[in-house]
Amino acid sequence: MKRRTFLHSSLALAGTGAAVASLTASADEPGAAGRQFYELRLYHLRRGPQMDLFDKYYRDAAMPALKRAGIAQVGVFSVTVGPDSPTMYVLLVHPSLESLTATPARLHADTEYHEAGAEFINAPATNPSFVRIESSLMMAFEGMPKLEAPSFPGGGKSRLFELRTYESHSLKAHLKKVEMFNRGEISIFRRTGLPPVFFGQTVIGSRLPNLTYMLGFENAEARDKGWSAFIADAEWLKLRTKPGYTDAEIVTNISNALLRPTDYSQI
């Protein structure tokens, strides 16, 4: 009850009352215990010094400070194929809602963080560190409650990550798509060579309702091979035509981005 009261009183001040209601309901639903929460940030940058400043900030200041704050996994990715280049994607893996709410205060109190990231943190309005930041908060699916960081032979120097977002026309349709993944599609992904990194149900963000998931591949060839096997799979062909699970009923739009991890990314 205290957690729920705190979330409603603090976030509603920013005009997010409806999102908070969704968040607290999702966090308290059966089976939610033990699921991670994913904070996905998009840093829109300008080409030139901002890109180097971003890398320096995350490598030397943010990543070590987030670890001290209790965030064990942080992924940082550049866009290979996708809109708005240059954009950097940052994925923070929170073990709980308490981690999400406590992290900003922990960073604010971290002297070492402020010293290492001073150039980025204290940038003036006349020479900002970034153009803008977008963010969303997701709760892990019941069928995949924790992120699975892929491991590839040879260090995975050609690693490629695919980030996909599925939008639905209604909450009912959205939950049906989540159900479809939990009850069959995730297992088909694994079997056909589409290794999932995470699946997240968006509870605060834009273009709601939607879900987002990430796949990890050793290289572009492995991605092509996996998708070819998936779309030809007999179990998938049967599942996608099942009444209630067809795209026409539950998915209105799909967006896709191909990402490369930075050399300091933990994912």
Protein backbone atom coordinates (compact mmCIF):
# COMPACT_ATOMS: atom_id res chain seq x y z
CA MET A 1 0.00 0.00 0.00
CA LYS A 2 2.84 2.42 0.80
CA ARG A 3 4.43 1.75 -2.61
CA ARG A 4 1.15 2.40 -4.37
CA THR A 5 0.53 5.63 -2.44
CA PHE A 6 4.03 6.89 -3.19
CA LEU A 7 3.76 6.21 -6.91
CA HIS A 8 0.38 7.87 -7.21
CA SER A 9 1.41 10.98 -5.29
CA SER A 10 4.77 11.51 -7.00
CA LEU A 11 4.12 10.63 -10.64
CA ALA A 12 0.62 12.06 -10.82
CA LEU A 13 2.17 15.48 -10.26
CA ALA A 14 3.74 15.12 -13.70
CA GLY A 15 0.37 14.43 -15.27
CA THR A 16 0.79 10.66 -15.49
CA GLY A 17 -2.10 9.51 -13.33
CA ALA A 18 -3.47 7.13 -15.95
CA ALA A 19 -0.03 5.63 -16.55
CA VAL A 20 0.51 5.15 -12.82
CA ALA A 21 -2.80 3.32 -12.50
CA SER A 22 -1.67 0.99 -15.28
CA LEU A 23 1.74 0.55 -13.68
CA THR A 24 0.50 -0.30 -10.21
CA ALA A 25 -2.15 -2.65 -11.60
CA SER A 26 0.46 -4.44 -13.72
CA ALA A 27 2.93 -4.67 -10.84
CA ASP A 28 0.29 -6.21 -8.55
CA GLU A 29 -1.21 -8.68 -11.03
CA PRO A 30 -0.85 -12.42 -10.38
CA GLY A 31 2.55 -13.72 -11.46
CA ALA A 32 4.20 -10.27 -11.45
CA ALA A 33 6.52 -11.07 -8.54
CA GLY A 34 10.07 -11.75 -9.73
CA ARG A 35 9.67 -10.01 -13.08
CA GLN A 36 12.19 -7.35 -14.03
CA PHE A 37 11.39 -3.82 -15.17
CA TYR A 38 13.08 -2.34 -18.24
CA GLU A 39 13.76 1.36 -18.67
CA LEU A 40 14.49 2.12 -22.31
CA ARG A 41 16.00 5.53 -23.09
CA LEU A 42 16.54 7.04 -26.53
CA TYR A 43 19.13 9.80 -26.68
CA HIS A 44 18.74 11.89 -29.82
CA LEU A 45 22.07 13.48 -30.69
CA ARG A 46 23.67 15.71 -33.28
CA ARG A 47 26.55 14.40 -35.35
CA GLY A 48 29.90 15.59 -34.09
CA PRO A 49 31.03 16.28 -30.49
CA GLN A 50 27.75 15.17 -28.88
CA MET A 51 28.38 11.57 -29.94
CA ASP A 52 31.83 11.46 -28.33
CA LEU A 53 30.53 13.23 -25.22
CA PHE A 54 27.73 10.68 -24.86
CA ASP A 55 30.17 7.74 -25.06
CA LYS A 56 32.53 9.33 -22.56
CA TYR A 57 29.68 10.02 -20.14
CA TYR A 58 28.23 6.51 -20.23
CA ARG A 59 31.58 4.69 -20.27
CA ASP A 60 33.30 6.68 -17.52
CA ALA A 61 30.46 8.07 -15.38
CA ALA A 62 27.01 6.55 -15.86
CA MET A 63 27.89 2.85 -16.16
CA PRO A 64 30.05 2.71 -12.99
CA ALA A 65 27.54 4.84 -11.06
CA LEU A 66 24.57 2.73 -12.13
CA LYS A 67 26.43 -0.36 -10.95
CA ARG A 68 27.01 1.28 -7.57
CA ALA A 69 23.29 2.13 -7.51
CA GLY A 70 22.38 -1.55 -7.91
CA ILE A 71 21.76 -1.74 -11.68
CA ALA A 72 23.63 -4.89 -12.71
CA GLN A 73 22.89 -4.77 -16.45
CA VAL A 74 22.96 -1.76 -18.76
CA GLY A 75 22.89 -2.06 -22.53
CA VAL A 76 24.05 0.80 -24.75
CA PHE A 77 23.44 0.56 -28.49
CA SER A 78 23.87 2.62 -31.62
CA VAL A 79 21.41 2.46 -34.52
CA THR A 80 22.45 0.48 -37.60
CA VAL A 81 19.04 0.52 -39.30
CA GLY A 82 16.28 2.73 -37.93
CA PRO A 83 14.93 6.26 -37.77
CA ASP A 84 16.63 9.38 -36.46
CA SER A 85 20.36 8.86 -36.71
CA PRO A 86 22.30 9.47 -34.56
CA THR A 87 20.24 7.98 -31.73
CA MET A 88 21.66 5.95 -28.86
CA TYR A 89 19.51 3.37 -27.09
CA VAL A 90 20.13 2.71 -23.40
CA LEU A 91 18.46 -0.23 -21.64
CA LEU A 92 18.47 -0.29 -17.83
CA VAL A 93 17.42 -3.54 -16.14
CA HIS A 94 15.69 -2.88 -12.81
CA PRO A 95 15.01 -5.77 -10.40
CA SER A 96 12.02 -3.93 -8.92
CA LEU A 97 9.96 -0.74 -8.98
CA GLU A 98 11.87 0.39 -5.90
CA SER A 99 15.07 0.29 -7.96
CA LEU A 100 13.45 2.48 -10.59
CA THR A 101 12.33 5.14 -8.13
CA ALA A 102 15.51 5.10 -6.01
CA THR A 103 18.13 5.24 -8.78
CA PRO A 104 17.89 8.98 -9.60
CA ALA A 105 18.44 9.92 -5.94
CA ARG A 106 21.38 7.53 -5.67
CA LEU A 107 23.02 9.07 -8.74
CA HIS A 108 22.37 12.58 -7.42
CA ALA A 109 24.17 11.70 -4.17
CA ASP A 110 27.13 10.03 -5.94
CA THR A 111 30.08 12.46 -5.88
CA GLU A 112 32.25 10.26 -8.08
CA TYR A 113 29.50 10.20 -10.72
CA HIS A 114 29.24 13.99 -10.79
CA GLU A 115 33.00 14.38 -11.08
CA ALA A 116 33.41 11.83 -13.89
CA GLY A 117 30.37 13.06 -15.83
CA ALA A 118 30.72 16.78 -15.21
CA GLU A 119 31.08 17.79 -18.85
CA PHE A 120 27.88 15.99 -19.84
CA ILE A 121 25.87 16.74 -16.68
CA ASN A 122 26.72 20.44 -16.53
CA ALA A 123 26.54 21.26 -20.24
CA PRO A 124 25.04 24.74 -20.83
CA ALA A 125 21.89 25.45 -22.82
CA THR A 126 24.04 27.03 -25.53
CA ASN A 127 25.95 23.78 -26.02
CA PRO A 128 23.73 20.91 -24.76
CA SER A 129 24.80 17.29 -24.32
CA PHE A 130 21.88 15.95 -26.38
CA VAL A 131 18.90 17.10 -28.44
CA ARG A 132 16.28 15.27 -26.34
CA ILE A 133 15.64 12.07 -24.42
CA GLU A 134 12.65 9.77 -24.81
CA SER A 135 11.98 6.99 -22.34
CA SER A 136 9.57 4.16 -21.64
CA LEU A 137 9.04 1.71 -18.80
CA MET A 138 8.25 -1.94 -19.41
CA MET A 139 7.46 -4.93 -17.23
CA ALA A 140 8.90 -8.29 -18.25
CA PHE A 141 6.54 -10.90 -19.64
CA GLU A 142 5.43 -13.78 -17.47
CA GLY A 143 6.84 -16.14 -20.12
CA MET A 144 10.28 -14.49 -19.89
CA PRO A 145 10.54 -12.77 -16.50
CA LYS A 146 14.23 -11.86 -16.73
CA LEU A 147 16.58 -10.55 -19.39
CA GLU A 148 18.89 -13.09 -21.00
CA ALA A 149 22.13 -11.51 -22.19
CA PRO A 150 23.42 -13.53 -25.18
CA SER A 151 26.89 -15.02 -25.26
CA PHE A 152 28.65 -15.59 -28.56
CA PRO A 153 31.94 -17.31 -29.45
CA GLY A 154 34.89 -15.11 -30.27
CA GLY A 155 33.60 -12.18 -28.26
CA GLY A 156 30.70 -11.47 -30.61
CA LYS A 157 32.36 -8.59 -32.44
CA SER A 158 29.67 -8.70 -35.13
CA ARG A 159 26.76 -8.86 -32.67
CA LEU A 160 23.49 -7.47 -33.95
CA PHE A 161 20.39 -6.74 -31.85
CA GLU A 162 16.89 -6.31 -33.19
CA LEU A 163 14.38 -4.18 -31.29
CA ARG A 164 10.74 -4.59 -32.30
CA THR A 165 7.61 -2.82 -31.03
CA TYR A 166 4.07 -4.07 -31.64
CA GLU A 167 1.20 -1.62 -31.23
CA SER A 168 -2.43 -2.65 -30.76
CA HIS A 169 -5.71 -0.81 -31.22
CA SER A 170 -6.98 -1.59 -27.70
CA LEU A 171 -5.78 -2.86 -24.35
CA LYS A 172 -7.74 -6.08 -24.90
CA ALA A 173 -5.96 -6.71 -28.21
CA HIS A 174 -2.59 -5.83 -26.67
CA LEU A 175 -3.06 -8.33 -23.84
CA LYS A 176 -4.06 -10.96 -26.38
CA LYS A 177 -0.74 -10.45 -28.20
CA VAL A 178 1.14 -10.72 -24.90
CA GLU A 179 -0.76 -13.97 -24.26
CA MET A 180 0.19 -15.24 -27.71
CA PHE A 181 3.89 -14.73 -26.96
CA ASN A 182 3.65 -16.29 -23.50
CA ARG A 183 1.72 -19.34 -24.67
CA GLY A 184 3.71 -20.28 -27.74
CA GLU A 185 5.49 -17.64 -29.79
CA ILE A 186 8.48 -17.18 -27.45
CA SER A 187 9.20 -20.91 -27.49
CA ILE A 188 8.98 -20.94 -31.29
CA PHE A 189 11.47 -18.06 -31.40
CA ARG A 190 13.95 -20.04 -29.32
CA ARG A 191 13.56 -23.19 -31.39
CA THR A 192 13.93 -21.51 -34.79
CA GLY A 193 17.05 -19.47 -34.02
CA LEU A 194 15.61 -16.14 -32.86
CA PRO A 195 17.27 -15.81 -29.40
CA PRO A 196 15.22 -13.47 -27.19
CA VAL A 197 16.98 -10.96 -24.94
CA PHE A 198 13.85 -9.57 -23.29
CA PHE A 199 10.11 -9.15 -23.74
CA GLY A 200 8.49 -6.12 -22.14
CA GLN A 201 4.93 -4.88 -21.77
CA THR A 202 5.02 -1.07 -21.93
CA VAL A 203 3.29 0.52 -18.95
CA ILE A 204 4.60 4.09 -19.36
CA GLY A 205 5.60 5.47 -22.75
CA SER A 206 4.29 6.66 -26.09
CA ARG A 207 2.03 4.94 -28.63
CA LEU A 208 0.24 2.85 -26.02
CA PRO A 209 -0.77 0.09 -25.83
CA ASN A 210 2.32 -1.70 -27.07
CA LEU A 211 4.95 -4.29 -26.29
CA THR A 212 8.65 -4.31 -27.12
CA TYR A 213 11.11 -7.14 -27.42
CA MET A 214 14.76 -7.57 -28.32
CA LEU A 215 16.54 -10.39 -30.13
CA GLY A 216 20.30 -10.95 -30.18
CA PHE A 217 22.31 -12.45 -33.04
CA GLU A 218 25.95 -13.36 -33.59
CA ASN A 219 25.83 -11.54 -36.92
CA ALA A 220 23.49 -10.42 -39.72
CA GLU A 221 23.64 -13.84 -41.37
CA ALA A 222 22.35 -15.53 -38.21
CA ARG A 223 19.46 -13.05 -38.10
CA ASP A 224 18.47 -13.79 -41.70
CA LYS A 225 18.68 -17.55 -41.09
CA GLY A 226 16.57 -17.33 -37.93
CA TRP A 227 13.79 -15.29 -39.48
CA SER A 228 13.68 -17.57 -42.52
CA ALA A 229 13.24 -20.60 -40.26
CA PHE A 230 10.61 -18.86 -38.16
CA ILE A 231 8.31 -17.71 -40.96
CA ALA A 232 8.37 -21.23 -42.49
CA ASP A 233 7.79 -23.04 -39.19
CA ALA A 234 4.66 -25.22 -39.18
CA GLU A 235 3.82 -24.49 -35.54
CA TRP A 236 4.09 -20.74 -36.17
CA LEU A 237 1.94 -20.93 -39.31
CA LYS A 238 -0.73 -22.69 -37.28
CA LEU A 239 -0.51 -20.29 -34.31
CA ARG A 240 -0.71 -17.11 -36.40
CA THR A 241 -4.01 -18.21 -38.02
CA LYS A 242 -5.67 -19.22 -34.77
CA PRO A 243 -8.83 -17.13 -34.16
CA GLY A 244 -8.00 -14.33 -31.74
CA TYR A 245 -4.30 -14.41 -32.60
CA THR A 246 -4.28 -13.07 -36.16
CA ASP A 247 -2.48 -9.79 -36.86
CA ALA A 248 -5.67 -8.26 -38.20
CA GLU A 249 -7.29 -8.75 -34.79
CA ILE A 250 -4.51 -7.72 -32.39
CA VAL A 251 -1.65 -5.83 -34.11
CA THR A 252 -1.97 -2.46 -35.83
CA ASN A 253 1.65 -1.45 -36.37
CA ILE A 254 5.16 -2.91 -36.07
CA SER A 255 8.33 -0.83 -35.85
CA ASN A 256 11.81 -2.25 -36.06
CA ALA A 257 15.40 -1.14 -35.43
CA LEU A 258 18.72 -2.93 -35.83
CA LEU A 259 21.27 -2.00 -33.16
CA ARG A 260 24.97 -2.51 -32.50
CA PRO A 261 26.23 -2.62 -28.89
CA THR A 262 28.97 -0.21 -27.87
CA ASP A 263 32.28 -1.64 -26.68
CA TYR A 264 31.27 -0.83 -23.07
CA SER A 265 27.72 -2.21 -23.23
CA GLN A 266 26.95 -4.94 -20.67
CA ILE A 267 24.39 -6.57 -22.98
